[in-house]
PDB file of N, CA and C in Angstrom:
ATOM      1  N   UNK A   1     197.806 147.817 177.329  1.00  0.00           N
ATOM      2  CA  UNK A   1     197.882 146.383 177.572  1.00  0.00           C
ATOM      3  C   UNK A   1     199.019 145.831 176.718  1.00  0.00           C
ATOM      4  N   UNK A   2     199.889 145.077 177.343  1.00  0.00           N
ATOM      5  CA  UNK A   2     201.001 144.469 176.630  1.00  0.00           C
ATOM      6  C   UNK A   2     200.573 143.238 175.854  1.00  0.00           C
ATOM      7  N   UNK A   3     201.475 142.752 175.024  1.00  0.00           N
ATOM      8  CA  UNK A   3     201.176 141.594 174.190  1.00  0.00           C
ATOM      9  C   UNK A   3     200.858 140.360 175.024  1.00  0.00           C
ATOM     10  N   UNK A   4     201.597 140.147 176.098  1.00  0.00           N
ATOM     11  CA  UNK A   4     201.352 138.979 176.942  1.00  0.00           C
ATOM     12  C   UNK A   4     199.964 139.049 177.572  1.00  0.00           C
ATOM     13  N   UNK A   5     199.602 140.220 178.101  1.00  0.00           N
ATOM     14  CA  UNK A   5     198.284 140.387 178.713  1.00  0.00           C
ATOM     15  C   UNK A   5     197.173 140.217 177.681  1.00  0.00           C
ATOM     16  N   UNK A   6     197.415 140.716 176.469  1.00  0.00           N
ATOM     17  CA  UNK A   6     196.419 140.568 175.405  1.00  0.00           C
ATOM     18  C   UNK A   6     196.213 139.102 175.047  1.00  0.00           C
ATOM     19  N   UNK A   7     197.305 138.342 174.957  1.00  0.00           N
ATOM     20  CA  UNK A   7     197.190 136.917 174.645  1.00  0.00           C
ATOM     21  C   UNK A   7     196.483 136.158 175.766  1.00  0.00           C
ATOM     22  N   UNK A   8     196.771 136.510 177.007  1.00  0.00           N
ATOM     23  CA  UNK A   8     196.089 135.864 178.131  1.00  0.00           C
ATOM     24  C   UNK A   8     194.599 136.160 178.106  1.00  0.00           C
ATOM     25  N   UNK A   9     194.239 137.394 177.776  1.00  0.00           N
ATOM     26  CA  UNK A   9     192.821 137.762 177.695  1.00  0.00           C
ATOM     27  C   UNK A   9     192.141 137.001 176.557  1.00  0.00           C
ATOM     28  N   UNK A  10     192.796 136.901 175.400  1.00  0.00           N
ATOM     29  CA  UNK A  10     192.225 136.155 174.279  1.00  0.00           C
ATOM     30  C   UNK A  10     192.020 134.688 174.629  1.00  0.00           C
ATOM     31  N   UNK A  11     192.966 134.099 175.322  1.00  0.00           N
ATOM     32  CA  UNK A  11     192.832 132.691 175.741  1.00  0.00           C
ATOM     33  C   UNK A  11     191.669 132.524 176.714  1.00  0.00           C
ATOM     34  N   UNK A  12     191.528 133.456 177.647  1.00  0.00           N
ATOM     35  CA  UNK A  12     190.428 133.390 178.613  1.00  0.00           C
ATOM     36  C   UNK A  12     189.085 133.545 177.911  1.00  0.00           C
ATOM     37  N   UNK A  13     189.013 134.452 176.954  1.00  0.00           N
ATOM     38  CA  UNK A  13     187.772 134.666 176.204  1.00  0.00           C
ATOM     39  C   UNK A  13     187.436 133.426 175.387  1.00  0.00           C
ATOM     40  N   UNK A  14     188.417 132.882 174.692  1.00  0.00           N
ATOM     41  CA  UNK A  14     188.184 131.695 173.872  1.00  0.00           C
ATOM     42  C   UNK A  14     187.687 130.532 174.721  1.00  0.00           C
ATOM     43  N   UNK A  15     188.254 130.363 175.909  1.00  0.00           N
ATOM     44  CA  UNK A  15     187.827 129.277 176.798  1.00  0.00           C
ATOM     45  C   UNK A  15     186.418 129.502 177.326  1.00  0.00           C
ATOM     46  N   UNK A  16     186.028 130.754 177.497  1.00  0.00           N
ATOM     47  CA  UNK A  16     184.723 131.069 178.074  1.00  0.00           C
ATOM     48  C   UNK A  16     183.585 131.061 177.059  1.00  0.00           C
ATOM     49  N   UNK A  17     183.897 131.201 175.793  1.00  0.00           N
ATOM     50  CA  UNK A  17     182.836 131.328 174.783  1.00  0.00           C
ATOM     51  C   UNK A  17     182.084 130.027 174.573  1.00  0.00           C
ATOM     52  N   UNK A  18     182.774 128.939 174.368  1.00  0.00           N
ATOM     53  CA  UNK A  18     182.089 127.680 174.105  1.00  0.00           C
ATOM     54  C   UNK A  18     182.242 127.260 172.655  1.00  0.00           C
ATOM     55  N   UNK A  19     182.054 126.014 172.411  1.00  0.00           N
ATOM     56  CA  UNK A  19     182.328 125.384 171.123  1.00  0.00           C
ATOM     57  C   UNK A  19     181.691 125.999 169.902  1.00  0.00           C
ATOM     58  N   UNK A  20     180.373 125.920 169.776  1.00  0.00           N
ATOM     59  CA  UNK A  20     179.713 126.399 168.568  1.00  0.00           C
ATOM     60  C   UNK A  20     179.825 127.904 168.418  1.00  0.00           C
ATOM     61  N   UNK A  21     179.680 128.644 169.517  1.00  0.00           N
ATOM     62  CA  UNK A  21     179.785 130.098 169.430  1.00  0.00           C
ATOM     63  C   UNK A  21     181.174 130.500 168.944  1.00  0.00           C
ATOM     64  N   UNK A  22     182.203 129.892 169.509  1.00  0.00           N
ATOM     65  CA  UNK A  22     183.575 130.202 169.096  1.00  0.00           C
ATOM     66  C   UNK A  22     183.805 129.832 167.638  1.00  0.00           C
ATOM     67  N   UNK A  23     183.273 128.700 167.217  1.00  0.00           N
ATOM     68  CA  UNK A  23     183.455 128.266 165.830  1.00  0.00           C
ATOM     69  C   UNK A  23     182.772 129.221 164.859  1.00  0.00           C
ATOM     70  N   UNK A  24     181.569 129.671 165.183  1.00  0.00           N
ATOM     71  CA  UNK A  24     180.857 130.617 164.325  1.00  0.00           C
ATOM     72  C   UNK A  24     181.650 131.919 164.213  1.00  0.00           C
ATOM     73  N   UNK A  25     182.082 132.460 165.338  1.00  0.00           N
ATOM     74  CA  UNK A  25     182.823 133.718 165.328  1.00  0.00           C
ATOM     75  C   UNK A  25     184.147 133.581 164.591  1.00  0.00           C
ATOM     76  N   UNK A  26     184.829 132.460 164.761  1.00  0.00           N
ATOM     77  CA  UNK A  26     186.101 132.238 164.075  1.00  0.00           C
ATOM     78  C   UNK A  26     185.899 132.183 162.570  1.00  0.00           C
ATOM     79  N   UNK A  27     184.833 131.519 162.131  1.00  0.00           N
ATOM     80  CA  UNK A  27     184.570 131.411 160.694  1.00  0.00           C
ATOM     81  C   UNK A  27     184.226 132.768 160.089  1.00  0.00           C
ATOM     82  N   UNK A  28     183.431 133.571 160.799  1.00  0.00           N
ATOM     83  CA  UNK A  28     183.035 134.880 160.275  1.00  0.00           C
ATOM     84  C   UNK A  28     184.196 135.880 160.355  1.00  0.00           C
ATOM     85  N   UNK A  29     184.813 135.983 161.512  1.00  0.00           N
ATOM     86  CA  UNK A  29     185.830 137.016 161.740  1.00  0.00           C
ATOM     87  C   UNK A  29     187.218 136.627 161.251  1.00  0.00           C
ATOM     88  N   UNK A  30     187.515 135.347 161.214  1.00  0.00           N
ATOM     89  CA  UNK A  30     188.865 134.932 160.882  1.00  0.00           C
ATOM     90  C   UNK A  30     189.029 134.227 159.555  1.00  0.00           C
ATOM     91  N   UNK A  31     187.964 133.605 159.070  1.00  0.00           N
ATOM     92  CA  UNK A  31     188.100 132.800 157.853  1.00  0.00           C
ATOM     93  C   UNK A  31     187.349 133.371 156.663  1.00  0.00           C
ATOM     94  N   UNK A  32     186.611 134.467 156.861  1.00  0.00           N
ATOM     95  CA  UNK A  32     185.953 135.135 155.747  1.00  0.00           C
ATOM     96  C   UNK A  32     184.620 134.565 155.308  1.00  0.00           C
ATOM     97  N   UNK A  33     184.026 133.690 156.100  1.00  0.00           N
ATOM     98  CA  UNK A  33     182.704 133.162 155.759  1.00  0.00           C
ATOM     99  C   UNK A  33     181.640 134.220 156.034  1.00  0.00           C
ATOM    100  N   UNK A  34     180.550 134.153 155.318  1.00  0.00           N
ATOM    101  CA  UNK A  34     179.410 134.994 155.652  1.00  0.00           C
ATOM    102  C   UNK A  34     178.773 134.427 156.913  1.00  0.00           C
ATOM    103  N   UNK A  35     178.002 135.236 157.635  1.00  0.00           N
ATOM    104  CA  UNK A  35     177.314 134.690 158.808  1.00  0.00           C
ATOM    105  C   UNK A  35     176.449 133.472 158.467  1.00  0.00           C
ATOM    106  N   UNK A  36     175.737 133.523 157.354  1.00  0.00           N
ATOM    107  CA  UNK A  36     174.881 132.399 156.977  1.00  0.00           C
ATOM    108  C   UNK A  36     175.703 131.132 156.750  1.00  0.00           C
ATOM    109  N   UNK A  37     176.828 131.253 156.046  1.00  0.00           N
ATOM    110  CA  UNK A  37     177.692 130.095 155.818  1.00  0.00           C
ATOM    111  C   UNK A  37     178.218 129.542 157.138  1.00  0.00           C
ATOM    112  N   UNK A  38     178.667 130.430 157.996  1.00  0.00           N
ATOM    113  CA  UNK A  38     179.260 129.996 159.267  1.00  0.00           C
ATOM    114  C   UNK A  38     178.242 129.264 160.127  1.00  0.00           C
ATOM    115  N   UNK A  39     177.058 129.817 160.255  1.00  0.00           N
ATOM    116  CA  UNK A  39     176.030 129.184 161.084  1.00  0.00           C
ATOM    117  C   UNK A  39     175.642 127.831 160.506  1.00  0.00           C
ATOM    118  N   UNK A  40     175.468 127.743 159.198  1.00  0.00           N
ATOM    119  CA  UNK A  40     175.099 126.461 158.589  1.00  0.00           C
ATOM    120  C   UNK A  40     176.205 125.424 158.719  1.00  0.00           C
ATOM    121  N   UNK A  41     177.463 125.845 158.565  1.00  0.00           N
ATOM    122  CA  UNK A  41     178.570 124.904 158.700  1.00  0.00           C
ATOM    123  C   UNK A  41     178.688 124.355 160.117  1.00  0.00           C
ATOM    124  N   UNK A  42     178.445 125.205 161.096  1.00  0.00           N
ATOM    125  CA  UNK A  42     178.624 124.809 162.492  1.00  0.00           C
ATOM    126  C   UNK A  42     177.381 124.140 163.058  1.00  0.00           C
ATOM    127  N   UNK A  43     176.211 124.654 162.717  1.00  0.00           N
ATOM    128  CA  UNK A  43     174.973 124.211 163.375  1.00  0.00           C
ATOM    129  C   UNK A  43     174.018 123.426 162.492  1.00  0.00           C
ATOM    130  N   UNK A  44     174.329 123.277 161.246  1.00  0.00           N
ATOM    131  CA  UNK A  44     173.397 122.588 160.359  1.00  0.00           C
ATOM    132  C   UNK A  44     172.437 123.567 159.727  1.00  0.00           C
ATOM    133  N   UNK A  45     171.191 123.163 159.546  1.00  0.00           N
ATOM    134  CA  UNK A  45     170.210 123.963 158.819  1.00  0.00           C
ATOM    135  C   UNK A  45     169.550 124.998 159.726  1.00  0.00           C
ATOM    136  N   UNK A  46     170.068 126.196 159.702  1.00  0.00           N
ATOM    137  CA  UNK A  46     169.505 127.323 160.456  1.00  0.00           C
ATOM    138  C   UNK A  46     169.067 128.403 159.488  1.00  0.00           C
ATOM    139  N   UNK A  47     168.485 128.033 158.370  1.00  0.00           N
ATOM    140  CA  UNK A  47     168.181 128.956 157.286  1.00  0.00           C
ATOM    141  C   UNK A  47     167.390 130.172 157.742  1.00  0.00           C
ATOM    142  N   UNK A  48     166.403 130.008 158.597  1.00  0.00           N
ATOM    143  CA  UNK A  48     165.529 131.111 158.977  1.00  0.00           C
ATOM    144  C   UNK A  48     165.962 131.811 160.258  1.00  0.00           C
ATOM    145  N   UNK A  49     166.990 131.321 160.927  1.00  0.00           N
ATOM    146  CA  UNK A  49     167.372 131.906 162.213  1.00  0.00           C
ATOM    147  C   UNK A  49     168.859 132.250 162.285  1.00  0.00           C
ATOM    148  N   UNK A  50     169.478 132.510 161.136  1.00  0.00           N
ATOM    149  CA  UNK A  50     170.905 132.817 161.111  1.00  0.00           C
ATOM    150  C   UNK A  50     171.211 134.052 161.949  1.00  0.00           C
ATOM    151  N   UNK A  51     170.416 135.096 161.789  1.00  0.00           N
ATOM    152  CA  UNK A  51     170.663 136.334 162.529  1.00  0.00           C
ATOM    153  C   UNK A  51     170.578 136.103 164.028  1.00  0.00           C
ATOM    154  N   UNK A  52     169.578 135.370 164.465  1.00  0.00           N
ATOM    155  CA  UNK A  52     169.427 135.096 165.896  1.00  0.00           C
ATOM    156  C   UNK A  52     170.599 134.266 166.420  1.00  0.00           C
ATOM    157  N   UNK A  53     171.039 133.282 165.651  1.00  0.00           N
ATOM    158  CA  UNK A  53     172.149 132.423 166.104  1.00  0.00           C
ATOM    159  C   UNK A  53     173.453 133.201 166.153  1.00  0.00           C
ATOM    160  N   UNK A  54     173.677 134.074 165.173  1.00  0.00           N
ATOM    161  CA  UNK A  54     174.877 134.905 165.185  1.00  0.00           C
ATOM    162  C   UNK A  54     174.836 135.864 166.372  1.00  0.00           C
ATOM    163  N   UNK A  55     173.676 136.405 166.657  1.00  0.00           N
ATOM    164  CA  UNK A  55     173.530 137.303 167.811  1.00  0.00           C
ATOM    165  C   UNK A  55     173.857 136.565 169.114  1.00  0.00           C
ATOM    166  N   UNK A  56     173.433 135.304 169.241  1.00  0.00           N
ATOM    167  CA  UNK A  56     173.765 134.508 170.426  1.00  0.00           C
ATOM    168  C   UNK A  56     175.283 134.346 170.558  1.00  0.00           C
ATOM    169  N   UNK A  57     175.957 134.095 169.439  1.00  0.00           N
ATOM    170  CA  UNK A  57     177.411 133.943 169.468  1.00  0.00           C
ATOM    171  C   UNK A  57     178.080 135.259 169.866  1.00  0.00           C
ATOM    172  N   UNK A  58     177.576 136.370 169.349  1.00  0.00           N
ATOM    173  CA  UNK A  58     178.139 137.677 169.714  1.00  0.00           C
ATOM    174  C   UNK A  58     177.860 138.011 171.174  1.00  0.00           C
ATOM    175  N   UNK A  59     176.684 137.633 171.665  1.00  0.00           N
ATOM    176  CA  UNK A  59     176.381 137.829 173.091  1.00  0.00           C
ATOM    177  C   UNK A  59     177.344 137.031 173.967  1.00  0.00           C
ATOM    178  N   UNK A  60     177.656 135.808 173.543  1.00  0.00           N
ATOM    179  CA  UNK A  60     178.615 134.978 174.287  1.00  0.00           C
ATOM    180  C   UNK A  60     179.992 135.628 174.290  1.00  0.00           C
ATOM    181  N   UNK A  61     180.372 136.221 173.154  1.00  0.00           N
ATOM    182  CA  UNK A  61     181.658 136.926 173.081  1.00  0.00           C
ATOM    183  C   UNK A  61     181.683 138.108 174.031  1.00  0.00           C
ATOM    184  N   UNK A  62     180.624 138.880 174.047  1.00  0.00           N
ATOM    185  CA  UNK A  62     180.554 140.041 174.937  1.00  0.00           C
ATOM    186  C   UNK A  62     180.611 139.615 176.402  1.00  0.00           C
ATOM    187  N   UNK A  63     179.883 138.586 176.755  1.00  0.00           N
ATOM    188  CA  UNK A  63     179.913 138.089 178.132  1.00  0.00           C
ATOM    189  C   UNK A  63     181.300 137.607 178.515  1.00  0.00           C
ATOM    190  N   UNK A  64     181.941 136.888 177.616  1.00  0.00           N
ATOM    191  CA  UNK A  64     183.289 136.389 177.888  1.00  0.00           C
ATOM    192  C   UNK A  64     184.275 137.550 178.017  1.00  0.00           C
ATOM    193  N   UNK A  65     184.123 138.568 177.204  1.00  0.00           N
ATOM    194  CA  UNK A  65     184.999 139.745 177.272  1.00  0.00           C
ATOM    195  C   UNK A  65     184.856 140.434 178.633  1.00  0.00           C
ATOM    196  N   UNK A  66     183.621 140.574 179.073  1.00  0.00           N
ATOM    197  CA  UNK A  66     183.374 141.241 180.362  1.00  0.00           C
ATOM    198  C   UNK A  66     183.917 140.436 181.539  1.00  0.00           C
ATOM    199  N   UNK A  67     183.858 139.095 181.449  1.00  0.00           N
ATOM    200  CA  UNK A  67     184.382 138.236 182.519  1.00  0.00           C
ATOM    201  C   UNK A  67     185.889 138.124 182.457  1.00  0.00           C
ATOM    202  N   UNK A  68     186.441 138.118 181.203  1.00  0.00           N
ATOM    203  CA  UNK A  68     187.860 137.871 181.007  1.00  0.00           C
ATOM    204  C   UNK A  68     188.680 139.046 181.375  1.00  0.00           C
TER     205      UNK A  68
END
């Protein structure tokens, strides 16, 4: 896959993921936040369900990857 195709795929994935899911993934994968920090920053108080919320964001990424 060339650079142009890779960028087009990334843009399609980013558009398909959705606001909070994309923000959580960006904070964890790109900005160095822990999953707990990222979920709390994006969604508020998710103290007991951080793992479940992160899993939802990763599921959205996988779905977007498969569609994109």
